[in-house]
Protein backbone atom coordinates (compact mmCIF):
# COMPACT_ATOMS: atom_id res chain seq x y z
CA MET A 1 -13.23 -2.57 31.00
CA ARG A 2 -13.47 -5.95 32.66
CA LEU A 3 -17.08 -7.17 32.68
CA GLN A 4 -17.93 -9.38 35.64
CA VAL A 5 -20.67 -11.12 33.66
CA LEU A 6 -17.93 -12.70 31.54
CA GLU A 7 -16.46 -14.20 34.71
CA HIS A 8 -19.67 -15.46 36.33
CA GLY A 9 -22.65 -15.06 33.99
CA HIS A 10 -22.52 -18.32 32.04
CA ARG A 11 -25.13 -21.05 31.71
CA THR A 12 -24.69 -24.36 33.52
CA PRO A 13 -23.13 -26.31 30.58
CA ALA A 14 -20.54 -23.58 30.01
CA ARG A 15 -19.77 -23.32 33.74
CA ALA A 16 -19.30 -27.10 33.92
CA PHE A 17 -17.01 -27.07 30.88
CA MET A 18 -14.91 -24.20 32.25
CA ALA A 19 -14.58 -25.94 35.64
CA MET A 20 -13.53 -29.17 33.93
CA ALA A 21 -10.99 -27.31 31.76
CA ARG A 22 -9.55 -25.61 34.84
CA ILE A 23 -9.00 -29.00 36.50
CA ILE A 24 -7.51 -30.68 33.42
CA PHE A 25 -5.33 -27.83 32.12
CA ARG A 26 -4.72 -26.04 35.44
CA HIS A 27 -5.73 -22.73 33.90
CA ASP A 28 -8.97 -20.95 33.15
CA VAL A 29 -10.21 -20.98 29.57
CA ASP A 30 -9.10 -17.85 27.79
CA ASP A 31 -11.14 -14.66 27.85
CA VAL A 32 -12.25 -14.96 24.22
CA VAL A 33 -13.78 -18.36 24.99
CA LYS A 34 -15.45 -16.89 28.08
CA THR A 35 -16.92 -14.17 25.87
CA ALA A 36 -18.08 -16.66 23.23
CA LEU A 37 -19.69 -18.92 25.84
CA HIS A 38 -21.53 -16.08 27.59
CA ARG A 39 -24.36 -15.96 25.03
CA PRO A 40 -23.42 -18.58 22.45
CA GLU A 41 -26.65 -18.31 20.49
CA PHE A 42 -26.08 -14.59 19.97
CA PHE A 43 -22.43 -14.54 18.97
CA GLY A 44 -20.23 -17.32 20.30
CA LYS A 45 -21.45 -20.32 18.32
CA GLN A 46 -21.18 -18.53 14.99
CA LEU A 47 -17.82 -17.01 15.90
CA LEU A 48 -16.31 -20.33 16.94
CA LEU A 49 -17.60 -22.11 13.82
CA LEU A 50 -16.13 -19.37 11.64
CA VAL A 51 -12.80 -19.34 13.47
CA GLY A 52 -12.41 -23.13 13.21
CA SER A 53 -13.25 -23.12 9.52
CA VAL A 54 -11.04 -20.16 8.63
CA LEU A 55 -7.99 -21.04 10.73
CA ARG A 56 -8.06 -24.84 10.41
CA GLY A 57 -10.22 -25.67 7.41
CA PRO A 58 -8.82 -26.50 3.97
CA SER A 59 -6.92 -23.57 2.51
CA PHE A 60 -4.08 -22.54 0.22
CA TRP A 61 -2.44 -21.18 3.39
CA THR A 62 -0.98 -23.51 6.01
CA PRO A 63 -2.35 -23.29 9.56
CA GLY A 64 0.96 -21.71 10.60
CA GLU A 65 0.68 -19.04 7.91
CA ARG A 66 -2.89 -18.23 8.93
CA GLU A 67 -1.85 -17.98 12.58
CA HIS A 68 0.99 -15.63 11.60
CA MET A 69 -1.55 -13.52 9.69
CA ALA A 70 -3.70 -13.48 12.83
CA ALA A 71 -0.77 -12.37 15.00
CA HIS A 72 0.25 -9.72 12.45
CA ILE A 73 -3.25 -8.25 12.24
CA SER A 74 -3.45 -8.31 16.05
CA ARG A 75 -0.16 -6.39 16.18
CA LEU A 76 -1.58 -3.78 13.77
CA ASN A 77 -4.66 -3.48 15.99
CA GLU A 78 -2.52 -3.18 19.12
CA CYS A 79 -4.13 -6.20 20.77
CA PRO A 80 -1.48 -7.69 23.08
CA PHE A 81 -3.81 -10.49 24.20
CA CYS A 82 -4.19 -11.91 20.68
CA VAL A 83 -0.60 -11.15 19.63
CA ARG A 84 0.77 -13.29 22.46
CA GLU A 85 -1.60 -16.20 21.89
CA HIS A 86 -1.50 -16.35 18.11
CA SER A 87 2.27 -15.88 17.93
CA GLU A 88 2.57 -18.95 20.15
CA ILE A 89 -0.03 -20.92 18.17
CA ALA A 90 1.80 -19.94 14.95
CA ARG A 91 5.02 -21.33 16.41
CA LEU A 92 3.29 -24.59 17.28
CA ALA A 93 1.34 -24.84 14.00
CA SER A 94 4.46 -24.23 11.90
CA HIS A 95 6.44 -26.66 14.08
CA GLY A 96 8.83 -23.83 14.94
CA GLU A 97 9.94 -23.59 11.31
CA ILE A 98 9.09 -19.93 10.88
CA GLY A 99 8.91 -17.02 13.27
CA PRO A 100 6.85 -13.84 12.99
CA GLU A 101 9.71 -11.94 11.34
CA ALA A 102 10.09 -14.62 8.67
CA ILE A 103 6.47 -14.93 7.60
CA THR A 104 6.95 -12.97 4.40
CA ALA A 105 10.24 -14.70 3.57
CA ARG A 106 8.85 -18.22 3.49
CA ARG A 107 6.63 -17.93 0.43
CA PRO A 108 6.34 -15.00 -1.98
CA GLU A 109 2.55 -15.44 -1.87
CA VAL A 110 2.57 -14.62 1.85
CA ALA A 111 4.66 -11.50 1.19
CA ALA A 112 2.12 -10.49 -1.45
CA ILE A 113 -0.96 -10.89 0.76
CA VAL A 114 0.39 -9.04 3.83
CA PRO A 115 0.03 -5.50 2.36
CA LEU A 116 -3.58 -6.27 1.42
CA LEU A 117 -4.31 -7.51 4.96
CA GLU A 118 -2.67 -4.41 6.41
CA LYS A 119 -4.71 -2.10 4.19
CA ALA A 120 -7.95 -4.01 4.84
CA SER A 121 -7.27 -3.68 8.58
CA LYS A 122 -6.03 -0.10 8.84
CA THR A 123 -7.68 1.73 5.92
CA PRO A 124 -10.42 -0.56 4.57
CA THR A 125 -12.16 2.15 2.55
CA GLU A 126 -8.99 2.52 0.47
CA VAL A 127 -8.86 -1.13 -0.67
CA SER A 128 -9.25 -1.23 -4.43
CA PHE A 129 -9.22 -3.67 -7.30
CA ALA A 130 -5.59 -2.65 -7.92
CA ASP A 131 -4.69 -4.13 -4.51
CA ILE A 132 -6.34 -7.43 -5.46
CA ARG A 133 -4.67 -7.40 -8.88
CA ARG A 134 -1.20 -7.05 -7.29
CA VAL A 135 -1.86 -10.08 -5.08
CA ARG A 136 -3.16 -12.11 -8.05
CA GLU A 137 -0.08 -11.16 -10.10
CA ALA A 138 2.07 -12.62 -7.32
CA GLY A 139 0.40 -15.98 -7.93
CA VAL A 140 -2.16 -15.96 -5.12
CA PRO A 141 -5.41 -17.67 -6.23
CA ASP A 142 -8.71 -15.91 -5.60
CA ASP A 143 -9.78 -18.51 -3.02
CA ALA A 144 -6.60 -17.82 -1.06
CA ILE A 145 -7.26 -14.07 -1.15
CA VAL A 146 -10.72 -14.69 0.29
CA ASP A 147 -9.30 -17.02 2.97
CA ALA A 148 -6.74 -14.40 4.04
CA LEU A 149 -9.41 -11.70 4.14
CA HIS A 150 -11.50 -13.99 6.35
CA VAL A 151 -8.56 -14.12 8.79
CA ALA A 152 -8.56 -10.32 8.74
CA LEU A 153 -12.33 -10.23 9.32
CA ILE A 154 -12.05 -12.43 12.40
CA PHE A 155 -9.14 -10.61 13.98
CA ASN A 156 -10.39 -7.12 13.19
CA THR A 157 -13.46 -8.16 15.19
CA VAL A 158 -11.91 -10.24 17.99
CA ASN A 159 -9.05 -7.77 18.60
CA ARG A 160 -11.55 -5.01 19.27
CA LEU A 161 -13.55 -7.19 21.64
CA ALA A 162 -10.40 -8.35 23.44
CA ASN A 163 -9.23 -4.78 23.88
CA ALA A 164 -12.66 -3.49 24.92
CA PHE A 165 -13.17 -6.28 27.46
CA ASP A 166 -9.60 -6.02 28.78
CA CYS A 167 -8.75 -9.64 27.98
CA SER A 168 -5.55 -10.76 29.66
CA TRP A 169 -3.39 -13.73 30.54
CA ASP A 170 -2.47 -14.84 34.05
CA SER A 171 1.06 -15.86 33.05
CA ASP A 172 3.27 -17.05 30.21
CA GLN A 173 2.31 -20.59 31.23
CA HIS A 174 -1.34 -19.71 30.69
CA VAL A 175 -0.55 -18.45 27.16
CA LEU A 176 1.37 -21.63 26.34
CA ALA A 177 -1.34 -23.88 27.79
CA GLY A 178 -4.01 -22.05 25.78
CA ALA A 179 -1.97 -22.30 22.59
CA LYS A 180 -1.42 -26.03 23.07
CA VAL A 181 -5.12 -26.63 23.65
CA ILE A 182 -6.10 -24.63 20.57
CA GLN A 183 -3.50 -26.38 18.44
CA ARG A 184 -4.59 -29.81 19.65
CA PHE A 185 -8.36 -29.28 19.39
CA ARG A 186 -8.27 -27.04 16.30
CA TYR A 187 -10.58 -24.39 17.78
CA ARG A 188 -13.35 -26.92 18.49
CA LEU A 189 -15.35 -26.94 21.70
CA PRO A 190 -17.78 -29.64 22.81
CA GLY A 191 -21.20 -29.02 21.29
CA PHE A 192 -23.03 -29.05 24.61
CA VAL A 193 -21.36 -25.79 25.72
CA LEU A 194 -22.72 -23.91 22.71
CA ARG A 195 -26.38 -24.60 23.49
């Protein structure tokens, strides 16, 4: 259900930022950003800080691998909005070296973590120590397991919001423009819009 407040209910700094972005990039900011900027003190500021840290902070996983995890989880959650965007960001972040179908072929550690992410996303109450042990035995360090589960946390939350709020793209050009902006700015927004 499309909520009109997410189109027009923002504070002045957020409205100014979105107008400036529309002029510079010739597209509206994406619907997740609109949601985050609606009440940043309630949800958006914390979400954006977490997303930037998890998807672009230091990690065992490359940014491209994390973006592929995001797209894969979004596919499991049947969130076309996030699948389109994060598949494109993954392509940019991995410099086109790997596609979604090749994510598990690139590194055995990625192949080992994917079943855990799938289980944590689809049947979280069934995740057990045995699942973690299998990933560890494949050579994935504990910090990397936590990082991957943080990707799952974010997208199991954002996918549901995107689906509930009927997030959409205007065109393929809008998807590409959004992906380029995210890749360039690493999920960071100017601080003034989060006040």
